Amino acid sequence: MLPSSPHVQSVYLEGNNSLVSGLTAGSKKLFIDCSTIDPNVARSVAKAVTSKCDAVWMVDAPVSGGIVGAQQATLTFMVGGEVDAFNLASPLLRLMGKNVIHCGGTGNGQVAKVCNNLVLGISMIAISEAMNLGTSLGMDAKVLAGVINTSSGRCWSSDSYNPVPGVIPGVPSSNDYKGGFAVDLMAKDLGLAVQAAQAVKEPLLLGGAAHQTYNLISQKGYGGLDFSAIYKFLSDSKK
């Protein structure tokens, strides 16, 4: 698992110490890349790696579930690659995750991850704004969260990862927004979504705004905090 597309390209393809440089005609290898990167980069890297010899397979397998999912081995792996490669990788991934989903051909794991995090980033902003508005109007945060979580506004960002401190124990918002998935990482993933949308000329009205929002709060000093710090940013802005 590497931070971004350039890191993946470098580790796999560039220089005498790259992973592909160690492949020989008789190599039998399975490469599992769990980074979250541009789908087209995943496809080009996989093509370069697997073209070296017949017995080399590669899947892109970005992950969702966070630190808690990793600790409890309940992660979701979104896997892109040929069926044979997926079948080889699946038993290994099931040691770490509860859900191992074959999303289709090479790069489709990245497509699924980018789309999932597009929804997640937008929904966290929506929940943070709603919780901030409700508490500013005098409502108790736990009561408001309870209403949302049993109504049509229910979503993971509210019922499992609420951004208001004290509403849910054990999540980053109840630990000074430490740990979890950083604002800067969410900004990176939304940037991938914006880039992918531009490549196929699809609009991202809320996605583009969400990307700008996470970049803004990163510039304001929240970049290393969990992405639920959107609520903290809104709350701090009132002081």
Protein backbone atom coordinates (compact mmCIF):
# COMPACT_ATOMS: atom_id res chain seq x y z
CA MET A 1 0.00 0.00 0.00
CA LEU A 2 1.58 3.23 -1.21
CA PRO A 3 0.46 6.86 -0.91
CA SER A 4 -0.18 7.86 -4.53
CA SER A 5 0.17 7.05 -8.24
CA PRO A 6 3.79 8.28 -8.62
CA HIS A 7 4.89 6.10 -5.70
CA VAL A 8 3.29 3.01 -7.26
CA GLN A 9 4.89 3.69 -10.63
CA SER A 10 8.28 4.18 -9.01
CA VAL A 11 8.20 1.07 -6.80
CA TYR A 12 6.95 -1.25 -9.52
CA LEU A 13 8.60 0.08 -12.66
CA GLU A 14 11.45 2.53 -12.16
CA GLY A 15 15.10 1.70 -11.69
CA ASN A 16 17.21 -1.35 -10.96
CA ASN A 17 15.52 -1.91 -7.59
CA SER A 18 11.96 -1.87 -8.89
CA LEU A 19 9.75 -4.89 -8.42
CA VAL A 20 9.51 -5.53 -12.13
CA SER A 21 13.30 -5.51 -12.50
CA GLY A 22 13.48 -8.67 -10.41
CA LEU A 23 11.21 -10.68 -12.70
CA THR A 24 12.77 -13.33 -14.90
CA ALA A 25 11.37 -15.63 -17.57
CA GLY A 26 10.54 -18.30 -15.02
CA SER A 27 9.08 -16.04 -12.36
CA LYS A 28 5.81 -16.98 -10.68
CA LYS A 29 4.52 -14.00 -8.75
CA LEU A 30 1.28 -12.49 -7.53
CA PHE A 31 1.31 -8.74 -6.91
CA ILE A 32 -1.45 -7.23 -4.77
CA ASP A 33 -1.48 -3.46 -4.72
CA CYS A 34 -3.74 -1.95 -2.05
CA SER A 35 -2.92 1.66 -2.81
CA THR A 36 -5.65 4.11 -3.79
CA ILE A 37 -4.54 5.58 -7.12
CA ASP A 38 -5.71 6.68 -10.55
CA PRO A 39 -7.47 3.72 -12.23
CA ASN A 40 -5.59 4.30 -15.46
CA VAL A 41 -2.26 4.25 -13.65
CA ALA A 42 -3.28 0.95 -12.05
CA ARG A 43 -4.05 -0.43 -15.49
CA SER A 44 -0.79 0.74 -17.05
CA VAL A 45 1.31 -0.59 -14.16
CA ALA A 46 -0.45 -3.96 -14.23
CA LYS A 47 0.07 -4.23 -17.98
CA ALA A 48 3.78 -3.49 -17.62
CA VAL A 49 4.19 -5.98 -14.78
CA THR A 50 2.22 -8.88 -16.22
CA SER A 51 3.75 -8.54 -19.69
CA LYS A 52 7.14 -9.60 -18.34
CA CYS A 53 6.25 -13.29 -18.15
CA ASP A 54 3.25 -15.60 -18.33
CA ALA A 55 3.14 -16.65 -14.66
CA VAL A 56 2.85 -13.19 -13.16
CA TRP A 57 -0.49 -11.86 -11.96
CA MET A 58 -1.48 -8.51 -10.50
CA VAL A 59 -4.60 -7.11 -8.88
CA ASP A 60 -5.47 -3.67 -7.63
CA ALA A 61 -7.14 -4.09 -4.24
CA PRO A 62 -7.81 -0.76 -2.50
CA VAL A 63 -9.35 -1.08 0.92
CA SER A 64 -12.10 0.48 2.99
CA GLY A 65 -12.83 0.16 6.69
CA GLY A 66 -10.17 2.25 8.38
CA ILE A 67 -8.10 1.50 11.44
CA VAL A 68 -10.96 -0.23 13.26
CA GLY A 69 -11.59 -2.49 10.27
CA ALA A 70 -7.92 -3.38 10.10
CA GLN A 71 -7.78 -4.19 13.81
CA GLN A 72 -10.86 -6.37 13.62
CA ALA A 73 -10.11 -7.90 10.18
CA THR A 74 -13.42 -6.59 8.81
CA LEU A 75 -12.01 -4.57 5.93
CA THR A 76 -13.56 -4.46 2.48
CA PHE A 77 -11.21 -5.08 -0.44
CA MET A 78 -12.34 -3.84 -3.86
CA VAL A 79 -10.41 -5.96 -6.32
CA GLY A 80 -9.72 -5.35 -9.99
CA GLY A 81 -8.04 -7.91 -12.20
CA GLU A 82 -8.48 -11.10 -14.18
CA VAL A 83 -10.56 -13.85 -12.60
CA ASP A 84 -7.53 -16.14 -12.16
CA ALA A 85 -5.60 -13.39 -10.41
CA PHE A 86 -8.58 -12.62 -8.16
CA ASN A 87 -8.91 -16.29 -7.22
CA LEU A 88 -5.25 -16.37 -6.21
CA ALA A 89 -5.47 -13.15 -4.20
CA SER A 90 -8.81 -13.75 -2.51
CA PRO A 91 -7.69 -16.26 0.19
CA LEU A 92 -4.92 -13.88 1.26
CA LEU A 93 -7.20 -10.87 1.39
CA ARG A 94 -9.82 -12.78 3.40
CA LEU A 95 -7.27 -13.10 6.21
CA MET A 96 -7.50 -9.33 6.59
CA GLY A 97 -11.00 -8.50 5.42
CA LYS A 98 -14.60 -9.55 5.76
CA ASN A 99 -15.63 -8.49 2.25
CA VAL A 100 -13.50 -9.28 -0.80
CA ILE A 101 -15.33 -8.11 -3.92
CA HIS A 102 -14.28 -8.73 -7.51
CA CYS A 103 -15.14 -5.48 -9.26
CA GLY A 104 -14.15 -6.58 -12.74
CA GLY A 105 -11.05 -6.05 -14.86
CA THR A 106 -7.80 -4.36 -13.93
CA GLY A 107 -8.31 -0.88 -12.50
CA ASN A 108 -11.93 -1.46 -11.50
CA GLY A 109 -10.96 -1.87 -7.87
CA GLN A 110 -9.70 1.69 -8.05
CA VAL A 111 -12.88 2.82 -9.78
CA ALA A 112 -14.95 1.36 -6.93
CA LYS A 113 -12.73 2.95 -4.27
CA VAL A 114 -12.78 6.39 -5.90
CA CYS A 115 -16.58 6.28 -6.20
CA ASN A 116 -17.00 5.05 -2.62
CA ASN A 117 -14.81 7.81 -1.21
CA LEU A 118 -16.60 10.37 -3.36
CA VAL A 119 -19.81 9.46 -1.53
CA LEU A 120 -18.04 9.32 1.84
CA GLY A 121 -16.38 12.71 1.50
CA ILE A 122 -19.62 14.41 0.48
CA SER A 123 -21.72 12.71 3.16
CA MET A 124 -19.30 13.70 5.93
CA ILE A 125 -19.62 17.34 4.93
CA ALA A 126 -23.41 17.04 4.89
CA ILE A 127 -23.57 15.41 8.32
CA SER A 128 -21.10 17.90 9.77
CA GLU A 129 -23.13 20.84 8.49
CA ALA A 130 -26.38 19.35 9.78
CA MET A 131 -24.96 18.54 13.21
CA ASN A 132 -23.38 21.99 13.47
CA LEU A 133 -26.65 23.67 12.48
CA GLY A 134 -28.72 21.58 14.87
CA THR A 135 -26.51 22.16 17.87
CA SER A 136 -26.28 25.89 17.08
CA LEU A 137 -30.08 25.96 17.15
CA GLY A 138 -30.08 24.40 20.60
CA MET A 139 -30.53 20.68 19.98
CA ASP A 140 -28.57 18.03 21.86
CA ALA A 141 -26.04 16.36 19.54
CA LYS A 142 -26.85 12.80 20.64
CA VAL A 143 -30.58 13.35 20.25
CA LEU A 144 -30.13 14.86 16.80
CA ALA A 145 -27.85 12.01 15.74
CA GLY A 146 -30.45 9.54 16.99
CA VAL A 147 -33.12 11.19 14.85
CA ILE A 148 -30.93 11.19 11.75
CA ASN A 149 -29.86 7.60 12.32
CA THR A 150 -33.46 6.39 12.37
CA SER A 151 -34.64 8.63 9.54
CA SER A 152 -33.99 9.20 5.85
CA GLY A 153 -30.73 11.07 6.53
CA ARG A 154 -29.10 7.97 7.96
CA CYS A 155 -25.62 7.19 6.61
CA TRP A 156 -22.32 5.69 7.76
CA SER A 157 -20.86 9.13 8.47
CA SER A 158 -23.56 9.61 11.08
CA ASP A 159 -24.42 6.24 12.58
CA SER A 160 -20.90 4.74 12.65
CA TYR A 161 -18.46 7.66 12.47
CA ASN A 162 -20.30 10.71 13.77
CA PRO A 163 -18.16 13.85 13.58
CA VAL A 164 -19.37 15.37 16.85
CA PRO A 165 -17.17 14.59 19.88
CA GLY A 166 -18.88 12.34 22.42
CA VAL A 167 -21.69 11.08 20.22
CA ILE A 168 -19.94 7.78 19.44
CA PRO A 169 -17.11 6.54 21.67
CA GLY A 170 -13.96 5.22 20.06
CA VAL A 171 -14.16 7.13 16.78
CA PRO A 172 -11.64 9.88 15.92
CA SER A 173 -14.04 12.74 16.74
CA SER A 174 -14.10 11.48 20.33
CA ASN A 175 -10.29 11.37 20.38
CA ASP A 176 -9.48 14.93 19.32
CA TYR A 177 -9.80 13.80 15.69
CA LYS A 178 -6.61 11.77 15.96
CA GLY A 179 -6.11 8.59 13.94
CA GLY A 180 -8.54 7.52 11.26
CA PHE A 181 -8.42 8.83 7.69
CA ALA A 182 -6.73 12.20 7.35
CA VAL A 183 -8.22 15.26 5.71
CA ASP A 184 -5.25 15.33 3.32
CA LEU A 185 -5.92 11.74 2.24
CA MET A 186 -9.58 12.50 1.59
CA ALA A 187 -8.55 15.53 -0.45
CA LYS A 188 -6.21 13.29 -2.45
CA ASP A 189 -8.94 10.72 -3.13
CA LEU A 190 -11.46 13.36 -4.15
CA GLY A 191 -8.80 14.77 -6.43
CA LEU A 192 -8.62 11.35 -8.10
CA ALA A 193 -12.41 11.42 -8.55
CA VAL A 194 -12.28 14.90 -10.09
CA GLN A 195 -9.44 13.85 -12.39
CA ALA A 196 -11.26 10.70 -13.47
CA ALA A 197 -14.48 12.63 -14.10
CA GLN A 198 -12.65 15.16 -16.25
CA ALA A 199 -11.13 12.33 -18.32
CA VAL A 200 -14.59 11.02 -19.27
CA LYS A 201 -16.27 14.46 -19.25
CA GLU A 202 -18.70 13.66 -16.43
CA PRO A 203 -19.85 16.42 -14.05
CA LEU A 204 -19.05 16.25 -10.33
CA LEU A 205 -21.05 19.13 -8.93
CA LEU A 206 -20.89 18.17 -5.27
CA GLY A 207 -17.67 16.21 -5.67
CA GLY A 208 -15.79 19.22 -6.96
CA ALA A 209 -17.11 21.38 -4.12
CA ALA A 210 -16.18 18.70 -1.57
CA HIS A 211 -12.66 18.51 -2.98
CA GLN A 212 -12.27 22.26 -2.58
CA THR A 213 -13.69 22.07 0.96
CA TYR A 214 -11.14 19.50 2.15
CA ASN A 215 -8.33 21.44 0.49
CA LEU A 216 -9.54 24.58 2.28
CA ILE A 217 -9.57 23.06 5.75
CA SER A 218 -6.18 21.49 5.07
CA GLN A 219 -4.82 24.94 4.34
CA LYS A 220 -6.37 26.09 7.64
CA GLY A 221 -4.25 23.55 9.56
CA TYR A 222 -6.59 20.54 9.77
CA GLY A 223 -4.84 18.41 7.16
CA GLY A 224 -3.39 15.86 9.58
CA LEU A 225 -6.65 15.36 11.47
CA ASP A 226 -9.29 12.80 10.62
CA PHE A 227 -11.58 13.90 7.80
CA SER A 228 -14.50 14.18 10.25
CA ALA A 229 -12.71 17.33 11.45
CA ILE A 230 -14.98 19.10 8.96
CA TYR A 231 -17.24 19.49 12.01
CA LYS A 232 -14.38 20.89 14.09
CA PHE A 233 -13.61 23.39 11.35
CA LEU A 234 -17.23 24.56 11.31
CA SER A 235 -17.36 24.70 15.10
CA ASP A 236 -14.06 26.55 15.41
CA SER A 237 -15.21 29.10 12.82
CA LYS A 238 -17.81 30.33 15.32
CA LYS A 239 -15.23 31.20 17.97
